[in-house]
């Protein structure tokens, strides 16, 4: 049996209230979390170990803004 690959995702330089909310949400879901003080002593970094997905779905064309200069609008044959 192959276990899913996991890697760290970081929320950097967030307020105490945001950090506490993230820690609460991730612990309720059973994820491994680390909360550390940022170099700016008023802010926090929250790291969570999440499973990586190999089968990411492509972004729907209706969700891509033309202003973002997406290659999909330069070359519509990409999708």
Protein backbone atom coordinates (compact mmCIF):
# COMPACT_ATOMS: atom_id res chain seq x y z
CA UNK A 1 0.00 0.00 0.00
CA UNK A 2 1.39 3.39 -1.00
CA UNK A 3 0.88 6.27 1.36
CA UNK A 4 0.17 9.72 -0.07
CA UNK A 5 3.13 12.05 -0.20
CA UNK A 6 2.96 14.96 2.27
CA UNK A 7 4.72 18.31 2.26
CA UNK A 8 4.66 21.47 4.34
CA UNK A 9 2.44 24.40 3.44
CA UNK A 10 3.21 27.70 5.17
CA UNK A 11 0.98 30.63 6.06
CA UNK A 12 3.52 33.40 6.72
CA UNK A 13 3.23 36.71 8.58
CA UNK A 14 -0.36 36.43 9.81
CA UNK A 15 -2.01 37.97 12.85
CA UNK A 16 -2.56 36.15 16.13
CA UNK A 17 -6.29 35.84 15.49
CA UNK A 18 -5.76 34.39 12.00
CA UNK A 19 -3.10 31.98 13.29
CA UNK A 20 -5.32 30.73 16.11
CA UNK A 21 -8.22 30.21 13.68
CA UNK A 22 -6.00 28.22 11.28
CA UNK A 23 -4.60 26.09 14.10
CA UNK A 24 -8.13 25.32 15.32
CA UNK A 25 -9.38 24.41 11.82
CA UNK A 26 -6.39 22.19 11.00
CA UNK A 27 -6.43 20.39 14.36
CA UNK A 28 -10.13 19.63 13.94
CA UNK A 29 -9.26 17.95 10.63
CA UNK A 30 -6.36 16.03 12.22
CA UNK A 31 -3.40 17.67 10.43
CA UNK A 32 0.09 18.11 11.91
CA UNK A 33 0.66 21.84 12.64
CA UNK A 34 3.53 24.03 13.80
CA UNK A 35 2.94 27.61 14.94
CA UNK A 36 6.05 29.79 15.22
CA UNK A 37 6.72 33.45 15.88
CA UNK A 38 7.74 35.45 12.81
CA UNK A 39 10.79 37.74 12.74
CA UNK A 40 8.30 40.58 13.17
CA UNK A 41 7.32 39.84 16.77
CA UNK A 42 3.69 40.83 16.17
CA UNK A 43 3.06 38.18 13.50
CA UNK A 44 2.98 34.37 13.32
CA UNK A 45 3.88 31.64 10.83
CA UNK A 46 1.70 28.53 10.69
CA UNK A 47 3.00 25.42 8.93
CA UNK A 48 0.78 22.44 8.17
CA UNK A 49 1.68 19.10 6.61
CA UNK A 50 -0.76 18.45 3.76
CA UNK A 51 -1.12 15.62 1.27
CA UNK A 52 0.04 16.39 -2.25
CA UNK A 53 -2.41 15.76 -5.06
CA UNK A 54 -1.15 14.20 -8.29
CA UNK A 55 -4.40 14.69 -10.18
CA UNK A 56 -4.96 18.43 -10.11
CA UNK A 57 -7.74 19.48 -12.43
CA UNK A 58 -6.94 22.32 -14.86
CA UNK A 59 -8.41 25.72 -14.06
CA UNK A 60 -11.68 26.26 -15.94
CA UNK A 61 -11.45 28.92 -18.65
CA UNK A 62 -14.28 30.91 -17.07
CA UNK A 63 -12.12 31.33 -13.91
CA UNK A 64 -9.09 32.80 -15.76
CA UNK A 65 -8.98 36.57 -16.10
CA UNK A 66 -7.66 38.01 -19.38
CA UNK A 67 -5.80 40.68 -17.41
CA UNK A 68 -3.55 37.96 -15.90
CA UNK A 69 -1.96 37.55 -19.33
CA UNK A 70 -2.64 33.83 -19.35
CA UNK A 71 -1.12 31.67 -22.11
CA UNK A 72 -4.61 30.24 -22.64
CA UNK A 73 -5.72 33.53 -24.20
CA UNK A 74 -2.58 33.82 -26.33
CA UNK A 75 -2.86 30.26 -27.59
CA UNK A 76 -6.37 28.77 -27.19
CA UNK A 77 -5.18 25.35 -28.40
CA UNK A 78 -3.38 24.76 -25.06
CA UNK A 79 -6.51 23.29 -23.48
